[in-house]
């Protein structure tokens, strides 16, 4: 009688060949919520790497880039702020895989929590 192995969980991709990195808890995201932040070249390869987080569009743009490009948890912890991420989550323009991975891990982001 043939048997099949259980399917491995699907790996979500931030972009081709880059798995999504998701923080274990939203509470560990203790990055800045205000002020000017400069991302390292590894996360944002534009010559101008500063973001004024007090401007909503700049805040969203920085979060989108960090969520898409981070490969180490310390990058998530250092540049994202949990309560701010929850607040702006619905407005972020993210690849489908990034959104799915984060919402699967953090039900608060999915909108299923009342």
C-alpha atoms as a PDB file:
ATOM      1  CA  UNK A   1       0.000   0.000   0.000  1.00  0.00           C
ATOM      2  CA  UNK A   2       1.592   3.316  -1.035  1.00  0.00           C
ATOM      3  CA  UNK A   3       2.037   5.954   1.601  1.00  0.00           C
ATOM      4  CA  UNK A   4       2.644   9.611   1.149  1.00  0.00           C
ATOM      5  CA  UNK A   5       4.766  11.856   3.270  1.00  0.00           C
ATOM      6  CA  UNK A   6       3.016  14.772   4.935  1.00  0.00           C
ATOM      7  CA  UNK A   7       3.319  17.941   2.942  1.00  0.00           C
ATOM      8  CA  UNK A   8       5.880  20.435   4.148  1.00  0.00           C
ATOM      9  CA  UNK A   9       4.492  23.828   5.085  1.00  0.00           C
ATOM     10  CA  UNK A  10       4.583  26.298   2.223  1.00  0.00           C
ATOM     11  CA  UNK A  11       7.473  28.733   2.325  1.00  0.00           C
ATOM     12  CA  UNK A  12       6.363  32.266   1.545  1.00  0.00           C
ATOM     13  CA  UNK A  13       8.710  34.374  -0.565  1.00  0.00           C
ATOM     14  CA  UNK A  14       9.414  38.083  -0.188  1.00  0.00           C
ATOM     15  CA  UNK A  15      10.677  38.007  -3.760  1.00  0.00           C
ATOM     16  CA  UNK A  16      12.126  35.240  -5.951  1.00  0.00           C
ATOM     17  CA  UNK A  17      14.531  33.037  -3.977  1.00  0.00           C
ATOM     18  CA  UNK A  18      14.132  35.075  -0.765  1.00  0.00           C
ATOM     19  CA  UNK A  19      12.050  33.509   2.009  1.00  0.00           C
ATOM     20  CA  UNK A  20      10.049  35.881   4.179  1.00  0.00           C
ATOM     21  CA  UNK A  21      11.505  36.511   7.621  1.00  0.00           C
ATOM     22  CA  UNK A  22       8.862  36.939  10.324  1.00  0.00           C
ATOM     23  CA  UNK A  23       9.466  38.071  13.907  1.00  0.00           C
ATOM     24  CA  UNK A  24       8.437  35.633  16.623  1.00  0.00           C
ATOM     25  CA  UNK A  25       6.399  38.285  18.438  1.00  0.00           C
ATOM     26  CA  UNK A  26       5.256  41.790  17.664  1.00  0.00           C
ATOM     27  CA  UNK A  27       6.511  42.833  21.101  1.00  0.00           C
ATOM     28  CA  UNK A  28      10.129  42.215  20.117  1.00  0.00           C
ATOM     29  CA  UNK A  29       9.856  44.873  17.398  1.00  0.00           C
ATOM     30  CA  UNK A  30      11.225  47.829  19.350  1.00  0.00           C
ATOM     31  CA  UNK A  31      12.557  50.010  16.549  1.00  0.00           C
ATOM     32  CA  UNK A  32      11.808  53.710  16.220  1.00  0.00           C
ATOM     33  CA  UNK A  33       8.310  55.049  15.631  1.00  0.00           C
ATOM     34  CA  UNK A  34       9.299  58.706  15.076  1.00  0.00           C
ATOM     35  CA  UNK A  35      12.211  60.745  13.851  1.00  0.00           C
ATOM     36  CA  UNK A  36      14.706  60.241  11.054  1.00  0.00           C
ATOM     37  CA  UNK A  37      16.109  56.769  10.392  1.00  0.00           C
ATOM     38  CA  UNK A  38      18.857  55.784   7.989  1.00  0.00           C
ATOM     39  CA  UNK A  39      18.635  52.268   6.619  1.00  0.00           C
ATOM     40  CA  UNK A  40      21.853  50.417   5.866  1.00  0.00           C
ATOM     41  CA  UNK A  41      22.749  49.885   2.238  1.00  0.00           C
ATOM     42  CA  UNK A  42      21.843  46.207   2.578  1.00  0.00           C
ATOM     43  CA  UNK A  43      18.196  47.087   3.237  1.00  0.00           C
ATOM     44  CA  UNK A  44      17.862  50.075   0.914  1.00  0.00           C
ATOM     45  CA  UNK A  45      20.368  50.547  -1.890  1.00  0.00           C
ATOM     46  CA  UNK A  46      19.330  54.053  -2.867  1.00  0.00           C
ATOM     47  CA  UNK A  47      21.920  56.829  -2.374  1.00  0.00           C
ATOM     48  CA  UNK A  48      19.453  58.622  -0.075  1.00  0.00           C
ATOM     49  CA  UNK A  49      18.711  56.122   2.683  1.00  0.00           C
ATOM     50  CA  UNK A  50      17.046  58.346   5.288  1.00  0.00           C
ATOM     51  CA  UNK A  51      13.368  58.178   6.147  1.00  0.00           C
ATOM     52  CA  UNK A  52      11.440  60.734   8.214  1.00  0.00           C
ATOM     53  CA  UNK A  53       9.075  58.484  10.155  1.00  0.00           C
ATOM     54  CA  UNK A  54       6.894  61.445  11.095  1.00  0.00           C
ATOM     55  CA  UNK A  55       5.767  61.566   7.448  1.00  0.00           C
ATOM     56  CA  UNK A  56       3.219  58.758   6.926  1.00  0.00           C
ATOM     57  CA  UNK A  57       4.333  57.952   3.373  1.00  0.00           C
ATOM     58  CA  UNK A  58       7.992  57.734   4.395  1.00  0.00           C
ATOM     59  CA  UNK A  59       7.095  55.560   7.390  1.00  0.00           C
ATOM     60  CA  UNK A  60       5.139  53.143   5.184  1.00  0.00           C
ATOM     61  CA  UNK A  61       7.884  53.100   2.549  1.00  0.00           C
ATOM     62  CA  UNK A  62      10.558  52.224   5.099  1.00  0.00           C
ATOM     63  CA  UNK A  63       8.432  49.486   6.706  1.00  0.00           C
ATOM     64  CA  UNK A  64       7.658  47.971   3.290  1.00  0.00           C
ATOM     65  CA  UNK A  65      11.363  47.820   2.459  1.00  0.00           C
ATOM     66  CA  UNK A  66      12.393  46.328   5.789  1.00  0.00           C
ATOM     67  CA  UNK A  67       9.632  43.715   5.656  1.00  0.00           C
ATOM     68  CA  UNK A  68      10.654  42.749   2.134  1.00  0.00           C
ATOM     69  CA  UNK A  69      14.460  42.845   2.498  1.00  0.00           C
ATOM     70  CA  UNK A  70      15.290  41.765   6.069  1.00  0.00           C
ATOM     71  CA  UNK A  71      17.261  38.528   6.355  1.00  0.00           C
ATOM     72  CA  UNK A  72      18.131  38.751  10.065  1.00  0.00           C
ATOM     73  CA  UNK A  73      15.731  39.095  12.975  1.00  0.00           C
ATOM     74  CA  UNK A  74      17.834  41.915  14.433  1.00  0.00           C
ATOM     75  CA  UNK A  75      16.987  43.963  11.322  1.00  0.00           C
ATOM     76  CA  UNK A  76      13.281  43.524  12.032  1.00  0.00           C
ATOM     77  CA  UNK A  77      13.778  44.323  15.723  1.00  0.00           C
ATOM     78  CA  UNK A  78      15.911  47.384  15.051  1.00  0.00           C
ATOM     79  CA  UNK A  79      13.831  49.062  12.352  1.00  0.00           C
ATOM     80  CA  UNK A  80      10.220  48.063  13.047  1.00  0.00           C
ATOM     81  CA  UNK A  81       8.019  49.082  15.975  1.00  0.00           C
ATOM     82  CA  UNK A  82       5.289  46.556  16.832  1.00  0.00           C
ATOM     83  CA  UNK A  83       2.398  48.921  17.658  1.00  0.00           C
ATOM     84  CA  UNK A  84       3.225  51.079  14.638  1.00  0.00           C
ATOM     85  CA  UNK A  85       3.315  48.027  12.376  1.00  0.00           C
ATOM     86  CA  UNK A  86      -0.139  46.984  13.590  1.00  0.00           C
ATOM     87  CA  UNK A  87      -1.472  50.515  13.009  1.00  0.00           C
ATOM     88  CA  UNK A  88      -0.191  50.896   9.439  1.00  0.00           C
ATOM     89  CA  UNK A  89      -0.447  47.243   8.339  1.00  0.00           C
ATOM     90  CA  UNK A  90      -3.646  47.647   6.254  1.00  0.00           C
ATOM     91  CA  UNK A  91      -2.072  50.452   4.195  1.00  0.00           C
ATOM     92  CA  UNK A  92       1.249  48.740   3.445  1.00  0.00           C
ATOM     93  CA  UNK A  93       1.949  47.704  -0.144  1.00  0.00           C
ATOM     94  CA  UNK A  94       3.580  44.309   0.338  1.00  0.00           C
ATOM     95  CA  UNK A  95       4.244  41.275  -1.811  1.00  0.00           C
ATOM     96  CA  UNK A  96       1.543  38.655  -1.312  1.00  0.00           C
ATOM     97  CA  UNK A  97       4.006  36.250   0.315  1.00  0.00           C
ATOM     98  CA  UNK A  98       5.153  38.804   2.894  1.00  0.00           C
ATOM     99  CA  UNK A  99       1.599  39.665   3.887  1.00  0.00           C
ATOM    100  CA  UNK A 100       0.556  35.991   4.071  1.00  0.00           C
ATOM    101  CA  UNK A 101       3.552  34.949   6.189  1.00  0.00           C
ATOM    102  CA  UNK A 102       3.158  37.782   8.692  1.00  0.00           C
ATOM    103  CA  UNK A 103      -0.615  37.354   8.991  1.00  0.00           C
ATOM    104  CA  UNK A 104      -0.251  33.596   9.461  1.00  0.00           C
ATOM    105  CA  UNK A 105       2.159  34.163  12.372  1.00  0.00           C
ATOM    106  CA  UNK A 106       0.466  37.248  13.892  1.00  0.00           C
ATOM    107  CA  UNK A 107      -3.301  36.967  13.834  1.00  0.00           C
ATOM    108  CA  UNK A 108      -3.542  40.584  15.054  1.00  0.00           C
ATOM    109  CA  UNK A 109      -2.344  41.713  11.623  1.00  0.00           C
ATOM    110  CA  UNK A 110      -4.876  39.605   9.750  1.00  0.00           C
ATOM    111  CA  UNK A 111      -7.872  41.462  11.120  1.00  0.00           C
ATOM    112  CA  UNK A 112      -9.396  38.223  12.448  1.00  0.00           C
ATOM    113  CA  UNK A 113      -9.014  39.406  16.061  1.00  0.00           C
ATOM    114  CA  UNK A 114     -11.932  41.410  17.371  1.00  0.00           C
END
